[in-house]
């Protein structure tokens, strides 16, 4: 696994490395995101306040990508401060299979024409677009085992095994 250590101490890795390290967990996460087209992205405004926005995600070419229309506030936020949190669309009601899935990390703005062309060939996004490649810091899945009366939290961070915690609900 290729781990990147940032100057602020955060450890990040690519989606591909997460898939390699935790294939079953990664499959659960991609399936959960594939269930709906739109998800919720949290970014940081210039004044440090949180901003939530709708977003579409793409798991292609071994990466997790976030795309945006140029000039969108979320894109401006990410270009200024790449920290983000991403929640899969919860769907109708609370019975969505797969549980609640969240990803956190850093969104790296892509300005390389060759990378943007490969992405456009794979996804056919509306153009023009801003593109961000995700560096993961955390993946979390929360489910409920109603029969056992437990909440189950599975958390993964780069360089560590997945941790599963069960709590009485």
C-alpha atoms as a PDB file:
ATOM      1  CA  UNK A   1       0.000   0.000   0.000  1.00  0.00           C
ATOM      2  CA  UNK A   2       1.286   3.426  -0.901  1.00  0.00           C
ATOM      3  CA  UNK A   3       0.819   5.783   2.053  1.00  0.00           C
ATOM      4  CA  UNK A   4       1.368   9.495   1.759  1.00  0.00           C
ATOM      5  CA  UNK A   5       2.317  11.486   4.855  1.00  0.00           C
ATOM      6  CA  UNK A   6       1.202  15.091   4.643  1.00  0.00           C
ATOM      7  CA  UNK A   7       2.979  17.993   6.340  1.00  0.00           C
ATOM      8  CA  UNK A   8       0.094  18.243   8.831  1.00  0.00           C
ATOM      9  CA  UNK A   9       0.543  14.613   9.896  1.00  0.00           C
ATOM     10  CA  UNK A  10      -2.437  13.180   8.002  1.00  0.00           C
ATOM     11  CA  UNK A  11      -1.834   9.838   6.318  1.00  0.00           C
ATOM     12  CA  UNK A  12      -3.600   9.357   2.988  1.00  0.00           C
ATOM     13  CA  UNK A  13      -3.840   6.718   0.307  1.00  0.00           C
ATOM     14  CA  UNK A  14      -5.560   6.135  -3.026  1.00  0.00           C
ATOM     15  CA  UNK A  15      -8.845   4.379  -3.670  1.00  0.00           C
ATOM     16  CA  UNK A  16      -6.921   1.630  -5.478  1.00  0.00           C
ATOM     17  CA  UNK A  17      -4.805   0.966  -2.399  1.00  0.00           C
ATOM     18  CA  UNK A  18      -7.936   0.832  -0.223  1.00  0.00           C
ATOM     19  CA  UNK A  19      -9.484  -1.680  -2.655  1.00  0.00           C
ATOM     20  CA  UNK A  20      -6.322  -3.770  -2.507  1.00  0.00           C
ATOM     21  CA  UNK A  21      -6.083  -3.659   1.300  1.00  0.00           C
ATOM     22  CA  UNK A  22      -9.814  -4.104   2.028  1.00  0.00           C
ATOM     23  CA  UNK A  23     -11.518  -5.619  -1.068  1.00  0.00           C
ATOM     24  CA  UNK A  24     -14.767  -6.681   0.634  1.00  0.00           C
ATOM     25  CA  UNK A  25     -15.151  -3.361   2.460  1.00  0.00           C
ATOM     26  CA  UNK A  26     -14.366  -1.427  -0.742  1.00  0.00           C
ATOM     27  CA  UNK A  27     -16.989  -3.444  -2.633  1.00  0.00           C
ATOM     28  CA  UNK A  28     -19.585  -2.645   0.037  1.00  0.00           C
ATOM     29  CA  UNK A  29     -18.740   1.054  -0.221  1.00  0.00           C
ATOM     30  CA  UNK A  30     -18.870   1.197  -4.037  1.00  0.00           C
ATOM     31  CA  UNK A  31     -22.147  -0.752  -4.067  1.00  0.00           C
ATOM     32  CA  UNK A  32     -23.620   1.658  -1.540  1.00  0.00           C
ATOM     33  CA  UNK A  33     -22.568   4.702  -3.602  1.00  0.00           C
ATOM     34  CA  UNK A  34     -23.808   3.062  -6.821  1.00  0.00           C
ATOM     35  CA  UNK A  35     -27.322   2.703  -5.346  1.00  0.00           C
ATOM     36  CA  UNK A  36     -27.994   6.422  -5.977  1.00  0.00           C
ATOM     37  CA  UNK A  37     -26.610   9.041  -8.321  1.00  0.00           C
ATOM     38  CA  UNK A  38     -26.416  12.013  -5.937  1.00  0.00           C
ATOM     39  CA  UNK A  39     -24.592  12.150  -2.614  1.00  0.00           C
ATOM     40  CA  UNK A  40     -23.684  14.798  -0.011  1.00  0.00           C
ATOM     41  CA  UNK A  41     -20.281  16.485   0.065  1.00  0.00           C
ATOM     42  CA  UNK A  42     -19.099  18.591   2.998  1.00  0.00           C
ATOM     43  CA  UNK A  43     -16.394  21.182   2.342  1.00  0.00           C
ATOM     44  CA  UNK A  44     -15.019  24.180   4.217  1.00  0.00           C
ATOM     45  CA  UNK A  45     -15.960  27.732   3.231  1.00  0.00           C
ATOM     46  CA  UNK A  46     -13.324  30.476   3.210  1.00  0.00           C
ATOM     47  CA  UNK A  47     -14.444  31.539   6.706  1.00  0.00           C
ATOM     48  CA  UNK A  48     -14.034  27.963   8.013  1.00  0.00           C
ATOM     49  CA  UNK A  49     -17.763  27.232   8.238  1.00  0.00           C
ATOM     50  CA  UNK A  50     -18.986  23.918   6.805  1.00  0.00           C
ATOM     51  CA  UNK A  51     -20.809  23.778   3.459  1.00  0.00           C
ATOM     52  CA  UNK A  52     -22.799  20.801   2.203  1.00  0.00           C
ATOM     53  CA  UNK A  53     -23.487  20.285  -1.484  1.00  0.00           C
ATOM     54  CA  UNK A  54     -24.912  17.615  -3.711  1.00  0.00           C
ATOM     55  CA  UNK A  55     -22.368  15.745  -5.816  1.00  0.00           C
ATOM     56  CA  UNK A  56     -21.964  12.768  -8.114  1.00  0.00           C
ATOM     57  CA  UNK A  57     -19.047  10.391  -7.559  1.00  0.00           C
ATOM     58  CA  UNK A  58     -17.123   8.123  -9.908  1.00  0.00           C
ATOM     59  CA  UNK A  59     -15.072   5.070  -9.029  1.00  0.00           C
ATOM     60  CA  UNK A  60     -13.067   4.714 -12.242  1.00  0.00           C
ATOM     61  CA  UNK A  61      -9.482   4.071 -13.316  1.00  0.00           C
ATOM     62  CA  UNK A  62      -8.589   2.848  -9.808  1.00  0.00           C
ATOM     63  CA  UNK A  63      -9.523   6.174  -8.223  1.00  0.00           C
ATOM     64  CA  UNK A  64     -12.429   7.903  -6.535  1.00  0.00           C
ATOM     65  CA  UNK A  65     -13.195  11.119  -8.408  1.00  0.00           C
ATOM     66  CA  UNK A  66     -15.293  14.148  -7.546  1.00  0.00           C
ATOM     67  CA  UNK A  67     -16.448  16.343 -10.393  1.00  0.00           C
ATOM     68  CA  UNK A  68     -18.003  19.775 -10.485  1.00  0.00           C
ATOM     69  CA  UNK A  69     -19.022  22.561 -12.796  1.00  0.00           C
ATOM     70  CA  UNK A  70     -16.271  25.193 -12.948  1.00  0.00           C
ATOM     71  CA  UNK A  71     -16.980  28.070 -10.596  1.00  0.00           C
ATOM     72  CA  UNK A  72     -19.180  26.010  -8.268  1.00  0.00           C
ATOM     73  CA  UNK A  73     -18.737  26.924  -4.609  1.00  0.00           C
ATOM     74  CA  UNK A  74     -17.765  23.354  -3.663  1.00  0.00           C
ATOM     75  CA  UNK A  75     -14.999  23.383  -6.295  1.00  0.00           C
ATOM     76  CA  UNK A  76     -13.745  26.739  -5.007  1.00  0.00           C
ATOM     77  CA  UNK A  77     -13.810  25.348  -1.461  1.00  0.00           C
ATOM     78  CA  UNK A  78     -11.825  22.241  -2.450  1.00  0.00           C
ATOM     79  CA  UNK A  79      -9.241  24.192  -4.431  1.00  0.00           C
ATOM     80  CA  UNK A  80      -8.651  26.443  -1.403  1.00  0.00           C
ATOM     81  CA  UNK A  81      -8.817  23.714   1.271  1.00  0.00           C
ATOM     82  CA  UNK A  82      -8.916  20.120  -0.026  1.00  0.00           C
ATOM     83  CA  UNK A  83     -10.374  18.559   3.150  1.00  0.00           C
ATOM     84  CA  UNK A  84     -13.800  16.994   2.656  1.00  0.00           C
ATOM     85  CA  UNK A  85     -16.313  14.472   3.965  1.00  0.00           C
ATOM     86  CA  UNK A  86     -18.603  12.550   1.631  1.00  0.00           C
ATOM     87  CA  UNK A  87     -21.775  10.704   2.649  1.00  0.00           C
ATOM     88  CA  UNK A  88     -23.556   8.207   0.453  1.00  0.00           C
ATOM     89  CA  UNK A  89     -27.162   9.119  -0.247  1.00  0.00           C
ATOM     90  CA  UNK A  90     -29.163   7.529   2.584  1.00  0.00           C
ATOM     91  CA  UNK A  91     -32.074   6.740   0.297  1.00  0.00           C
ATOM     92  CA  UNK A  92     -35.699   6.589   1.327  1.00  0.00           C
ATOM     93  CA  UNK A  93     -36.377   5.749   4.960  1.00  0.00           C
ATOM     94  CA  UNK A  94     -33.935   3.934   7.189  1.00  0.00           C
ATOM     95  CA  UNK A  95     -34.098   0.499   5.603  1.00  0.00           C
ATOM     96  CA  UNK A  96     -31.442   1.027   2.932  1.00  0.00           C
ATOM     97  CA  UNK A  97     -29.279  -2.047   2.691  1.00  0.00           C
ATOM     98  CA  UNK A  98     -25.573  -1.446   3.084  1.00  0.00           C
ATOM     99  CA  UNK A  99     -25.916   1.008   5.935  1.00  0.00           C
ATOM    100  CA  UNK A 100     -24.585   4.527   6.165  1.00  0.00           C
ATOM    101  CA  UNK A 101     -21.270   4.990   4.348  1.00  0.00           C
ATOM    102  CA  UNK A 102     -18.924   7.972   4.709  1.00  0.00           C
ATOM    103  CA  UNK A 103     -15.546   8.809   3.240  1.00  0.00           C
ATOM    104  CA  UNK A 104     -13.155  11.547   4.366  1.00  0.00           C
ATOM    105  CA  UNK A 105      -9.931  12.792   2.897  1.00  0.00           C
ATOM    106  CA  UNK A 106      -8.349  15.337   0.625  1.00  0.00           C
ATOM    107  CA  UNK A 107      -9.643  16.202  -2.856  1.00  0.00           C
ATOM    108  CA  UNK A 108      -6.745  17.017  -5.177  1.00  0.00           C
ATOM    109  CA  UNK A 109      -7.595  19.295  -8.078  1.00  0.00           C
ATOM    110  CA  UNK A 110      -6.579  17.743 -11.396  1.00  0.00           C
ATOM    111  CA  UNK A 111      -5.261  20.120 -14.036  1.00  0.00           C
ATOM    112  CA  UNK A 112      -3.323  17.585 -16.108  1.00  0.00           C
ATOM    113  CA  UNK A 113      -4.951  17.483 -19.587  1.00  0.00           C
ATOM    114  CA  UNK A 114      -4.054  13.794 -20.140  1.00  0.00           C
ATOM    115  CA  UNK A 115      -5.666  12.719 -16.850  1.00  0.00           C
ATOM    116  CA  UNK A 116      -8.745  14.823 -17.560  1.00  0.00           C
ATOM    117  CA  UNK A 117      -9.010  13.279 -21.044  1.00  0.00           C
ATOM    118  CA  UNK A 118      -8.747   9.720 -19.632  1.00  0.00           C
ATOM    119  CA  UNK A 119     -11.468  10.555 -17.104  1.00  0.00           C
ATOM    120  CA  UNK A 120     -13.675  12.119 -19.794  1.00  0.00           C
ATOM    121  CA  UNK A 121     -13.247   9.016 -21.992  1.00  0.00           C
ATOM    122  CA  UNK A 122     -14.242   6.742 -19.090  1.00  0.00           C
ATOM    123  CA  UNK A 123     -17.152   8.806 -17.736  1.00  0.00           C
ATOM    124  CA  UNK A 124     -18.364  11.242 -20.451  1.00  0.00           C
ATOM    125  CA  UNK A 125     -19.103  14.074 -17.998  1.00  0.00           C
ATOM    126  CA  UNK A 126     -20.758  17.310 -19.100  1.00  0.00           C
ATOM    127  CA  UNK A 127     -18.024  19.705 -20.158  1.00  0.00           C
ATOM    128  CA  UNK A 128     -16.366  21.841 -19.031  1.00  0.00           C
ATOM    129  CA  UNK A 129     -15.712  20.354 -15.604  1.00  0.00           C
ATOM    130  CA  UNK A 130     -13.456  20.621 -12.595  1.00  0.00           C
ATOM    131  CA  UNK A 131     -12.008  17.298 -11.488  1.00  0.00           C
ATOM    132  CA  UNK A 132     -10.679  16.191  -8.112  1.00  0.00           C
ATOM    133  CA  UNK A 133      -8.889  12.920  -7.257  1.00  0.00           C
ATOM    134  CA  UNK A 134      -9.547  11.681  -3.741  1.00  0.00           C
ATOM    135  CA  UNK A 135      -6.836  10.805  -1.232  1.00  0.00           C
ATOM    136  CA  UNK A 136      -8.496   8.819   1.559  1.00  0.00           C
ATOM    137  CA  UNK A 137      -7.987   9.393   5.268  1.00  0.00           C
ATOM    138  CA  UNK A 138     -10.984   7.387   6.510  1.00  0.00           C
ATOM    139  CA  UNK A 139     -13.831   5.144   5.380  1.00  0.00           C
ATOM    140  CA  UNK A 140     -16.708   4.436   7.768  1.00  0.00           C
ATOM    141  CA  UNK A 141     -19.775   2.208   7.532  1.00  0.00           C
ATOM    142  CA  UNK A 142     -22.535   2.220  10.133  1.00  0.00           C
ATOM    143  CA  UNK A 143     -25.201  -0.477  10.192  1.00  0.00           C
ATOM    144  CA  UNK A 144     -27.855  -1.591  12.641  1.00  0.00           C
ATOM    145  CA  UNK A 145     -28.444  -5.187  13.669  1.00  0.00           C
ATOM    146  CA  UNK A 146     -32.002  -4.770  14.912  1.00  0.00           C
ATOM    147  CA  UNK A 147     -32.307  -8.377  16.084  1.00  0.00           C
ATOM    148  CA  UNK A 148     -29.267  -7.996  18.332  1.00  0.00           C
ATOM    149  CA  UNK A 149     -30.104  -4.388  19.229  1.00  0.00           C
ATOM    150  CA  UNK A 150     -26.659  -3.251  18.127  1.00  0.00           C
ATOM    151  CA  UNK A 151     -25.107  -0.527  16.059  1.00  0.00           C
ATOM    152  CA  UNK A 152     -22.091  -1.779  14.123  1.00  0.00           C
ATOM    153  CA  UNK A 153     -19.368   0.655  13.128  1.00  0.00           C
ATOM    154  CA  UNK A 154     -16.648  -0.393  10.714  1.00  0.00           C
ATOM    155  CA  UNK A 155     -13.813   2.112  10.307  1.00  0.00           C
ATOM    156  CA  UNK A 156     -10.721   1.961   8.129  1.00  0.00           C
ATOM    157  CA  UNK A 157      -7.741   4.337   8.013  1.00  0.00           C
ATOM    158  CA  UNK A 158      -4.655   4.069   5.783  1.00  0.00           C
ATOM    159  CA  UNK A 159      -1.999   1.829   7.269  1.00  0.00           C
ATOM    160  CA  UNK A 160      -4.400   0.123   9.687  1.00  0.00           C
ATOM    161  CA  UNK A 161      -6.741  -2.861   9.480  1.00  0.00           C
ATOM    162  CA  UNK A 162     -10.485  -2.248   9.463  1.00  0.00           C
ATOM    163  CA  UNK A 163     -11.851  -1.882  12.976  1.00  0.00           C
ATOM    164  CA  UNK A 164     -15.321  -3.207  13.812  1.00  0.00           C
ATOM    165  CA  UNK A 165     -17.074  -1.946  16.935  1.00  0.00           C
ATOM    166  CA  UNK A 166     -20.473  -3.149  18.132  1.00  0.00           C
ATOM    167  CA  UNK A 167     -22.527  -1.069  20.591  1.00  0.00           C
ATOM    168  CA  UNK A 168     -25.904  -1.609  22.130  1.00  0.00           C
ATOM    169  CA  UNK A 169     -28.383   0.738  20.504  1.00  0.00           C
END
